[in-house]
PDB file of N, CA and C in Angstrom:
ATOM      1  N   UNK A   1     -21.216  -1.812   0.972  1.00  0.00           N
ATOM      2  CA  UNK A   1     -21.073  -3.254   1.073  1.00  0.00           C
ATOM      3  C   UNK A   1     -21.073  -3.625   2.558  1.00  0.00           C
ATOM      4  N   UNK A   2     -21.886  -4.595   2.906  1.00  0.00           N
ATOM      5  CA  UNK A   2     -21.992  -5.024   4.300  1.00  0.00           C
ATOM      6  C   UNK A   2     -20.776  -5.860   4.705  1.00  0.00           C
ATOM      7  N   UNK A   3     -20.632  -6.059   5.978  1.00  0.00           N
ATOM      8  CA  UNK A   3     -19.527  -6.878   6.502  1.00  0.00           C
ATOM      9  C   UNK A   3     -19.647  -8.305   5.971  1.00  0.00           C
ATOM     10  N   UNK A   4     -20.876  -8.801   5.931  1.00  0.00           N
ATOM     11  CA  UNK A   4     -21.098 -10.164   5.430  1.00  0.00           C
ATOM     12  C   UNK A   4     -20.678 -10.271   3.961  1.00  0.00           C
ATOM     13  N   UNK A   5     -20.995  -9.257   3.162  1.00  0.00           N
ATOM     14  CA  UNK A   5     -20.605  -9.267   1.750  1.00  0.00           C
ATOM     15  C   UNK A   5     -19.092  -9.180   1.593  1.00  0.00           C
ATOM     16  N   UNK A   6     -18.446  -8.330   2.387  1.00  0.00           N
ATOM     17  CA  UNK A   6     -16.977  -8.212   2.331  1.00  0.00           C
ATOM     18  C   UNK A   6     -16.306  -9.516   2.731  1.00  0.00           C
ATOM     19  N   UNK A   7     -16.801 -10.123   3.791  1.00  0.00           N
ATOM     20  CA  UNK A   7     -16.235 -11.388   4.256  1.00  0.00           C
ATOM     21  C   UNK A   7     -16.391 -12.471   3.192  1.00  0.00           C
ATOM     22  N   UNK A   8     -17.570 -12.527   2.588  1.00  0.00           N
ATOM     23  CA  UNK A   8     -17.824 -13.506   1.526  1.00  0.00           C
ATOM     24  C   UNK A   8     -16.878 -13.284   0.356  1.00  0.00           C
ATOM     25  N   UNK A   9     -16.696 -12.013  -0.022  1.00  0.00           N
ATOM     26  CA  UNK A   9     -15.812 -11.668  -1.140  1.00  0.00           C
ATOM     27  C   UNK A   9     -14.354 -12.025  -0.827  1.00  0.00           C
ATOM     28  N   UNK A  10     -13.875 -11.622   0.354  1.00  0.00           N
ATOM     29  CA  UNK A  10     -12.478 -11.842   0.722  1.00  0.00           C
ATOM     30  C   UNK A  10     -12.138 -13.326   0.887  1.00  0.00           C
ATOM     31  N   UNK A  11     -13.080 -14.093   1.393  1.00  0.00           N
ATOM     32  CA  UNK A  11     -12.826 -15.514   1.620  1.00  0.00           C
ATOM     33  C   UNK A  11     -13.229 -16.363   0.417  1.00  0.00           C
ATOM     34  N   UNK A  12     -13.735 -15.714  -0.637  1.00  0.00           N
ATOM     35  CA  UNK A  12     -14.149 -16.389  -1.869  1.00  0.00           C
ATOM     36  C   UNK A  12     -15.171 -17.504  -1.593  1.00  0.00           C
ATOM     37  N   UNK A  13     -16.138 -17.179  -0.734  1.00  0.00           N
ATOM     38  CA  UNK A  13     -17.210 -18.116  -0.425  1.00  0.00           C
ATOM     39  C   UNK A  13     -18.334 -17.952  -1.442  1.00  0.00           C
ATOM     40  N   UNK A  14     -19.116 -18.991  -1.687  1.00  0.00           N
ATOM     41  CA  UNK A  14     -20.210 -18.885  -2.657  1.00  0.00           C
ATOM     42  C   UNK A  14     -21.306 -17.933  -2.157  1.00  0.00           C
ATOM     43  N   UNK A  15     -21.533 -16.863  -2.907  1.00  0.00           N
ATOM     44  CA  UNK A  15     -22.501 -15.843  -2.502  1.00  0.00           C
ATOM     45  C   UNK A  15     -23.918 -16.387  -2.430  1.00  0.00           C
ATOM     46  N   UNK A  16     -24.254 -17.312  -3.312  1.00  0.00           N
ATOM     47  CA  UNK A  16     -25.617 -17.832  -3.304  1.00  0.00           C
ATOM     48  C   UNK A  16     -25.930 -18.601  -2.027  1.00  0.00           C
ATOM     49  N   UNK A  17     -24.908 -19.119  -1.375  1.00  0.00           N
ATOM     50  CA  UNK A  17     -25.126 -19.859  -0.127  1.00  0.00           C
ATOM     51  C   UNK A  17     -25.084 -18.918   1.073  1.00  0.00           C
ATOM     52  N   UNK A  18     -24.058 -18.104   1.166  1.00  0.00           N
ATOM     53  CA  UNK A  18     -23.870 -17.239   2.328  1.00  0.00           C
ATOM     54  C   UNK A  18     -24.858 -16.082   2.350  1.00  0.00           C
ATOM     55  N   UNK A  19     -25.104 -15.449   1.203  1.00  0.00           N
ATOM     56  CA  UNK A  19     -25.944 -14.254   1.140  1.00  0.00           C
ATOM     57  C   UNK A  19     -27.355 -14.533   0.621  1.00  0.00           C
ATOM     58  N   UNK A  20     -27.661 -15.797   0.359  1.00  0.00           N
ATOM     59  CA  UNK A  20     -28.969 -16.209  -0.166  1.00  0.00           C
ATOM     60  C   UNK A  20     -29.323 -15.545  -1.492  1.00  0.00           C
ATOM     61  N   UNK A  21     -28.344 -15.263  -2.310  1.00  0.00           N
ATOM     62  CA  UNK A  21     -28.597 -14.714  -3.643  1.00  0.00           C
ATOM     63  C   UNK A  21     -29.241 -15.790  -4.502  1.00  0.00           C
ATOM     64  N   UNK A  22     -30.154 -15.409  -5.384  1.00  0.00           N
ATOM     65  CA  UNK A  22     -30.706 -16.411  -6.297  1.00  0.00           C
ATOM     66  C   UNK A  22     -29.626 -16.879  -7.272  1.00  0.00           C
ATOM     67  N   UNK A  23     -29.610 -18.165  -7.529  1.00  0.00           N
ATOM     68  CA  UNK A  23     -28.662 -18.727  -8.490  1.00  0.00           C
ATOM     69  C   UNK A  23     -29.459 -19.241  -9.675  1.00  0.00           C
ATOM     70  N   UNK A  24     -29.159 -18.693 -10.856  1.00  0.00           N
ATOM     71  CA  UNK A  24     -29.855 -19.072 -12.083  1.00  0.00           C
ATOM     72  C   UNK A  24     -28.936 -19.922 -12.941  1.00  0.00           C
ATOM     73  N   UNK A  25     -29.462 -21.034 -13.402  1.00  0.00           N
ATOM     74  CA  UNK A  25     -28.761 -21.868 -14.363  1.00  0.00           C
ATOM     75  C   UNK A  25     -29.635 -21.918 -15.607  1.00  0.00           C
ATOM     76  N   UNK A  26     -29.134 -21.344 -16.699  1.00  0.00           N
ATOM     77  CA  UNK A  26     -29.900 -21.253 -17.931  1.00  0.00           C
ATOM     78  C   UNK A  26     -29.239 -22.127 -18.989  1.00  0.00           C
ATOM     79  N   UNK A  27     -30.033 -22.991 -19.594  1.00  0.00           N
ATOM     80  CA  UNK A  27     -29.545 -23.848 -20.670  1.00  0.00           C
ATOM     81  C   UNK A  27     -30.238 -23.418 -21.952  1.00  0.00           C
ATOM     82  N   UNK A  28     -29.492 -22.705 -22.789  1.00  0.00           N
ATOM     83  CA  UNK A  28     -30.077 -22.191 -24.025  1.00  0.00           C
ATOM     84  C   UNK A  28     -31.216 -21.241 -23.723  1.00  0.00           C
ATOM     85  N   UNK A  29     -32.268 -21.332 -24.512  1.00  0.00           N
ATOM     86  CA  UNK A  29     -33.457 -20.504 -24.302  1.00  0.00           C
ATOM     87  C   UNK A  29     -34.653 -21.348 -23.875  1.00  0.00           C
ATOM     88  N   UNK A  30     -34.386 -22.590 -23.435  1.00  0.00           N
ATOM     89  CA  UNK A  30     -35.496 -23.496 -23.168  1.00  0.00           C
ATOM     90  C   UNK A  30     -35.580 -24.023 -21.749  1.00  0.00           C
ATOM     91  N   UNK A  31     -34.578 -23.788 -20.925  1.00  0.00           N
ATOM     92  CA  UNK A  31     -34.567 -24.399 -19.599  1.00  0.00           C
ATOM     93  C   UNK A  31     -33.867 -23.475 -18.612  1.00  0.00           C
ATOM     94  N   UNK A  32     -34.519 -23.206 -17.480  1.00  0.00           N
ATOM     95  CA  UNK A  32     -33.904 -22.388 -16.441  1.00  0.00           C
ATOM     96  C   UNK A  32     -34.219 -23.001 -15.082  1.00  0.00           C
ATOM     97  N   UNK A  33     -33.208 -23.063 -14.236  1.00  0.00           N
ATOM     98  CA  UNK A  33     -33.373 -23.509 -12.860  1.00  0.00           C
ATOM     99  C   UNK A  33     -32.978 -22.341 -11.959  1.00  0.00           C
ATOM    100  N   UNK A  34     -33.833 -22.026 -11.003  1.00  0.00           N
ATOM    101  CA  UNK A  34     -33.557 -20.939 -10.072  1.00  0.00           C
ATOM    102  C   UNK A  34     -33.521 -21.530  -8.667  1.00  0.00           C
ATOM    103  N   UNK A  35     -32.383 -21.340  -7.996  1.00  0.00           N
ATOM    104  CA  UNK A  35     -32.212 -21.802  -6.621  1.00  0.00           C
ATOM    105  C   UNK A  35     -32.356 -20.612  -5.678  1.00  0.00           C
ATOM    106  N   UNK A  36     -32.618 -20.891  -4.419  1.00  0.00           N
ATOM    107  CA  UNK A  36     -32.784 -19.894  -3.355  1.00  0.00           C
ATOM    108  C   UNK A  36     -34.024 -19.033  -3.568  1.00  0.00           C
ATOM    109  N   UNK A  37     -35.127 -19.664  -3.968  1.00  0.00           N
ATOM    110  CA  UNK A  37     -36.379 -18.927  -4.072  1.00  0.00           C
ATOM    111  C   UNK A  37     -37.142 -19.049  -2.757  1.00  0.00           C
ATOM    112  N   UNK A  38     -38.002 -18.070  -2.517  1.00  0.00           N
ATOM    113  CA  UNK A  38     -38.899 -18.138  -1.366  1.00  0.00           C
ATOM    114  C   UNK A  38     -40.247 -18.705  -1.801  1.00  0.00           C
ATOM    115  N   UNK A  39     -40.668 -18.351  -3.014  1.00  0.00           N
ATOM    116  CA  UNK A  39     -41.932 -18.863  -3.509  1.00  0.00           C
ATOM    117  C   UNK A  39     -42.256 -18.354  -4.897  1.00  0.00           C
ATOM    118  N   UNK A  40     -43.330 -18.894  -5.448  1.00  0.00           N
ATOM    119  CA  UNK A  40     -43.833 -18.484  -6.763  1.00  0.00           C
ATOM    120  C   UNK A  40     -44.945 -17.466  -6.520  1.00  0.00           C
ATOM    121  N   UNK A  41     -44.790 -16.271  -7.091  1.00  0.00           N
ATOM    122  CA  UNK A  41     -45.788 -15.213  -6.950  1.00  0.00           C
ATOM    123  C   UNK A  41     -46.872 -15.355  -8.012  1.00  0.00           C
ATOM    124  N   UNK A  42     -46.450 -15.628  -9.230  1.00  0.00           N
ATOM    125  CA  UNK A  42     -47.380 -15.699 -10.354  1.00  0.00           C
ATOM    126  C   UNK A  42     -46.857 -16.721 -11.353  1.00  0.00           C
ATOM    127  N   UNK A  43     -47.795 -17.444 -11.954  1.00  0.00           N
ATOM    128  CA  UNK A  43     -47.406 -18.410 -12.977  1.00  0.00           C
ATOM    129  C   UNK A  43     -48.463 -18.425 -14.068  1.00  0.00           C
ATOM    130  N   UNK A  44     -48.020 -18.294 -15.292  1.00  0.00           N
ATOM    131  CA  UNK A  44     -48.866 -18.392 -16.471  1.00  0.00           C
ATOM    132  C   UNK A  44     -47.970 -18.902 -17.597  1.00  0.00           C
ATOM    133  N   UNK A  45     -48.536 -19.186 -18.746  1.00  0.00           N
ATOM    134  CA  UNK A  45     -47.715 -19.726 -19.824  1.00  0.00           C
ATOM    135  C   UNK A  45     -46.754 -18.703 -20.421  1.00  0.00           C
ATOM    136  N   UNK A  46     -46.932 -17.394 -20.085  1.00  0.00           N
ATOM    137  CA  UNK A  46     -46.017 -16.385 -20.627  1.00  0.00           C
ATOM    138  C   UNK A  46     -45.226 -15.623 -19.566  1.00  0.00           C
ATOM    139  N   UNK A  47     -45.445 -15.917 -18.282  1.00  0.00           N
ATOM    140  CA  UNK A  47     -44.660 -15.277 -17.221  1.00  0.00           C
ATOM    141  C   UNK A  47     -44.605 -16.169 -15.984  1.00  0.00           C
ATOM    142  N   UNK A  48     -43.434 -16.172 -15.355  1.00  0.00           N
ATOM    143  CA  UNK A  48     -43.267 -16.781 -14.038  1.00  0.00           C
ATOM    144  C   UNK A  48     -42.597 -15.725 -13.170  1.00  0.00           C
ATOM    145  N   UNK A  49     -43.244 -15.358 -12.062  1.00  0.00           N
ATOM    146  CA  UNK A  49     -42.676 -14.381 -11.127  1.00  0.00           C
ATOM    147  C   UNK A  49     -42.296 -15.117  -9.853  1.00  0.00           C
ATOM    148  N   UNK A  50     -41.033 -14.941  -9.443  1.00  0.00           N
ATOM    149  CA  UNK A  50     -40.510 -15.643  -8.278  1.00  0.00           C
ATOM    150  C   UNK A  50     -40.064 -14.646  -7.214  1.00  0.00           C
ATOM    151  N   UNK A  51     -40.312 -14.990  -5.970  1.00  0.00           N
ATOM    152  CA  UNK A  51     -39.835 -14.187  -4.851  1.00  0.00           C
ATOM    153  C   UNK A  51     -38.543 -14.814  -4.334  1.00  0.00           C
ATOM    154  N   UNK A  52     -37.505 -13.980  -4.198  1.00  0.00           N
ATOM    155  CA  UNK A  52     -36.243 -14.443  -3.617  1.00  0.00           C
ATOM    156  C   UNK A  52     -35.901 -13.527  -2.449  1.00  0.00           C
ATOM    157  N   UNK A  53     -34.876 -13.856  -1.734  1.00  0.00           N
ATOM    158  CA  UNK A  53     -34.443 -13.059  -0.586  1.00  0.00           C
ATOM    159  C   UNK A  53     -34.084 -11.631  -0.986  1.00  0.00           C
ATOM    160  N   UNK A  54     -33.563 -11.453  -2.191  1.00  0.00           N
ATOM    161  CA  UNK A  54     -33.035 -10.149  -2.589  1.00  0.00           C
ATOM    162  C   UNK A  54     -33.785  -9.479  -3.736  1.00  0.00           C
ATOM    163  N   UNK A  55     -34.587 -10.218  -4.499  1.00  0.00           N
ATOM    164  CA  UNK A  55     -35.240  -9.669  -5.689  1.00  0.00           C
ATOM    165  C   UNK A  55     -36.586 -10.349  -5.935  1.00  0.00           C
ATOM    166  N   UNK A  56     -37.383  -9.692  -6.762  1.00  0.00           N
ATOM    167  CA  UNK A  56     -38.473 -10.368  -7.456  1.00  0.00           C
ATOM    168  C   UNK A  56     -37.910 -10.666  -8.839  1.00  0.00           C
ATOM    169  N   UNK A  57     -38.046 -11.885  -9.279  1.00  0.00           N
ATOM    170  CA  UNK A  57     -37.483 -12.322 -10.552  1.00  0.00           C
ATOM    171  C   UNK A  57     -38.627 -12.627 -11.514  1.00  0.00           C
ATOM    172  N   UNK A  58     -38.631 -11.939 -12.651  1.00  0.00           N
ATOM    173  CA  UNK A  58     -39.654 -12.142 -13.677  1.00  0.00           C
ATOM    174  C   UNK A  58     -39.041 -12.860 -14.865  1.00  0.00           C
ATOM    175  N   UNK A  59     -39.613 -13.986 -15.225  1.00  0.00           N
ATOM    176  CA  UNK A  59     -39.155 -14.761 -16.375  1.00  0.00           C
ATOM    177  C   UNK A  59     -40.291 -14.734 -17.399  1.00  0.00           C
ATOM    178  N   UNK A  60     -40.009 -14.165 -18.566  1.00  0.00           N
ATOM    179  CA  UNK A  60     -41.000 -14.033 -19.631  1.00  0.00           C
ATOM    180  C   UNK A  60     -40.675 -15.016 -20.750  1.00  0.00           C
ATOM    181  N   UNK A  61     -41.717 -15.539 -21.381  1.00  0.00           N
ATOM    182  CA  UNK A  61     -41.500 -16.446 -22.493  1.00  0.00           C
ATOM    183  C   UNK A  61     -42.799 -16.967 -23.062  1.00  0.00           C
ATOM    184  N   UNK A  62     -42.710 -18.054 -23.768  1.00  0.00           N
ATOM    185  CA  UNK A  62     -43.868 -18.704 -24.390  1.00  0.00           C
ATOM    186  C   UNK A  62     -43.937 -20.154 -23.931  1.00  0.00           C
ATOM    187  N   UNK A  63     -45.145 -20.615 -23.679  1.00  0.00           N
ATOM    188  CA  UNK A  63     -45.384 -22.007 -23.268  1.00  0.00           C
ATOM    189  C   UNK A  63     -44.536 -22.404 -22.058  1.00  0.00           C
ATOM    190  N   UNK A  64     -44.417 -21.515 -21.082  1.00  0.00           N
ATOM    191  CA  UNK A  64     -43.625 -21.809 -19.891  1.00  0.00           C
ATOM    192  C   UNK A  64     -44.344 -22.838 -19.021  1.00  0.00           C
ATOM    193  N   UNK A  65     -43.578 -23.769 -18.501  1.00  0.00           N
ATOM    194  CA  UNK A  65     -44.096 -24.814 -17.622  1.00  0.00           C
ATOM    195  C   UNK A  65     -43.154 -24.963 -16.438  1.00  0.00           C
ATOM    196  N   UNK A  66     -43.720 -25.143 -15.262  1.00  0.00           N
ATOM    197  CA  UNK A  66     -42.908 -25.480 -14.096  1.00  0.00           C
ATOM    198  C   UNK A  66     -42.756 -26.992 -14.095  1.00  0.00           C
ATOM    199  N   UNK A  67     -41.531 -27.456 -14.331  1.00  0.00           N
ATOM    200  CA  UNK A  67     -41.257 -28.897 -14.404  1.00  0.00           C
ATOM    201  C   UNK A  67     -41.027 -29.492 -13.023  1.00  0.00           C
ATOM    202  N   UNK A  68     -40.419 -28.716 -12.117  1.00  0.00           N
ATOM    203  CA  UNK A  68     -40.242 -29.187 -10.745  1.00  0.00           C
ATOM    204  C   UNK A  68     -40.207 -27.984  -9.812  1.00  0.00           C
ATOM    205  N   UNK A  69     -40.679 -28.205  -8.604  1.00  0.00           N
ATOM    206  CA  UNK A  69     -40.737 -27.148  -7.597  1.00  0.00           C
ATOM    207  C   UNK A  69     -40.479 -27.770  -6.240  1.00  0.00           C
ATOM    208  N   UNK A  70     -39.519 -27.198  -5.523  1.00  0.00           N
ATOM    209  CA  UNK A  70     -39.257 -27.639  -4.149  1.00  0.00           C
ATOM    210  C   UNK A  70     -39.321 -26.409  -3.248  1.00  0.00           C
ATOM    211  N   UNK A  71     -38.943 -26.554  -2.013  1.00  0.00           N
ATOM    212  CA  UNK A  71     -39.015 -25.434  -1.076  1.00  0.00           C
ATOM    213  C   UNK A  71     -38.160 -24.250  -1.498  1.00  0.00           C
ATOM    214  N   UNK A  72     -37.040 -24.500  -2.176  1.00  0.00           N
ATOM    215  CA  UNK A  72     -36.138 -23.392  -2.509  1.00  0.00           C
ATOM    216  C   UNK A  72     -35.625 -23.414  -3.951  1.00  0.00           C
ATOM    217  N   UNK A  73     -36.268 -24.215  -4.813  1.00  0.00           N
ATOM    218  CA  UNK A  73     -35.781 -24.333  -6.192  1.00  0.00           C
ATOM    219  C   UNK A  73     -36.938 -24.590  -7.144  1.00  0.00           C
ATOM    220  N   UNK A  74     -36.823 -24.013  -8.344  1.00  0.00           N
ATOM    221  CA  UNK A  74     -37.823 -24.245  -9.375  1.00  0.00           C
ATOM    222  C   UNK A  74     -37.117 -24.477 -10.707  1.00  0.00           C
ATOM    223  N   UNK A  75     -37.653 -25.405 -11.501  1.00  0.00           N
ATOM    224  CA  UNK A  75     -37.146 -25.637 -12.852  1.00  0.00           C
ATOM    225  C   UNK A  75     -38.264 -25.302 -13.825  1.00  0.00           C
ATOM    226  N   UNK A  76     -37.958 -24.425 -14.789  1.00  0.00           N
ATOM    227  CA  UNK A  76     -38.936 -23.947 -15.753  1.00  0.00           C
ATOM    228  C   UNK A  76     -38.463 -24.304 -17.154  1.00  0.00           C
ATOM    229  N   UNK A  77     -39.403 -24.767 -17.978  1.00  0.00           N
ATOM    230  CA  UNK A  77     -39.092 -25.060 -19.375  1.00  0.00           C
ATOM    231  C   UNK A  77     -40.081 -24.330 -20.272  1.00  0.00           C
ATOM    232  N   UNK A  78     -39.659 -24.045 -21.474  1.00  0.00           N
ATOM    233  CA  UNK A  78     -40.453 -23.337 -22.456  1.00  0.00           C
ATOM    234  C   UNK A  78     -39.515 -22.447 -23.258  1.00  0.00           C
ATOM    235  N   UNK A  79     -40.058 -21.543 -24.048  1.00  0.00           N
ATOM    236  CA  UNK A  79     -39.212 -20.613 -24.792  1.00  0.00           C
ATOM    237  C   UNK A  79     -38.999 -19.375 -23.925  1.00  0.00           C
ATOM    238  N   UNK A  80     -37.813 -19.249 -23.353  1.00  0.00           N
ATOM    239  CA  UNK A  80     -37.490 -18.138 -22.462  1.00  0.00           C
ATOM    240  C   UNK A  80     -37.042 -16.948 -23.307  1.00  0.00           C
ATOM    241  N   UNK A  81     -37.738 -15.812 -23.131  1.00  0.00           N
ATOM    242  CA  UNK A  81     -37.432 -14.626 -23.928  1.00  0.00           C
ATOM    243  C   UNK A  81     -36.657 -13.562 -23.164  1.00  0.00           C
ATOM    244  N   UNK A  82     -36.978 -13.379 -21.877  1.00  0.00           N
ATOM    245  CA  UNK A  82     -36.206 -12.412 -21.084  1.00  0.00           C
ATOM    246  C   UNK A  82     -36.373 -12.684 -19.605  1.00  0.00           C
ATOM    247  N   UNK A  83     -35.360 -12.219 -18.850  1.00  0.00           N
ATOM    248  CA  UNK A  83     -35.327 -12.363 -17.400  1.00  0.00           C
ATOM    249  C   UNK A  83     -35.096 -10.976 -16.829  1.00  0.00           C
ATOM    250  N   UNK A  84     -35.960 -10.559 -15.915  1.00  0.00           N
ATOM    251  CA  UNK A  84     -35.848  -9.214 -15.337  1.00  0.00           C
ATOM    252  C   UNK A  84     -35.852  -9.313 -13.813  1.00  0.00           C
ATOM    253  N   UNK A  85     -34.908  -8.617 -13.196  1.00  0.00           N
ATOM    254  CA  UNK A  85     -34.872  -8.504 -11.736  1.00  0.00           C
ATOM    255  C   UNK A  85     -35.547  -7.206 -11.320  1.00  0.00           C
ATOM    256  N   UNK A  86     -36.473  -7.276 -10.376  1.00  0.00           N
ATOM    257  CA  UNK A  86     -37.100  -6.063  -9.823  1.00  0.00           C
ATOM    258  C   UNK A  86     -36.386  -5.693  -8.547  1.00  0.00           C
TER     259      UNK A  86
END
């Protein structure tokens, strides 16, 4: 564990802000918002691959759509079947 991680843990600071961890908000199986992304690597109706500071994030599903995209956040809708961190 790095000094930055220990400090974040001990001071109970939000890891997604201090360490740039991706923050996922999932609503049921139909809506996911991912914060702290660097960019979209791949997008199709059955997969969305996102680059983050710490992982490549693969979101698999059916009829996936990017509803909104900003510099560091994406909102995806569709039938979400699985989420895998590389």
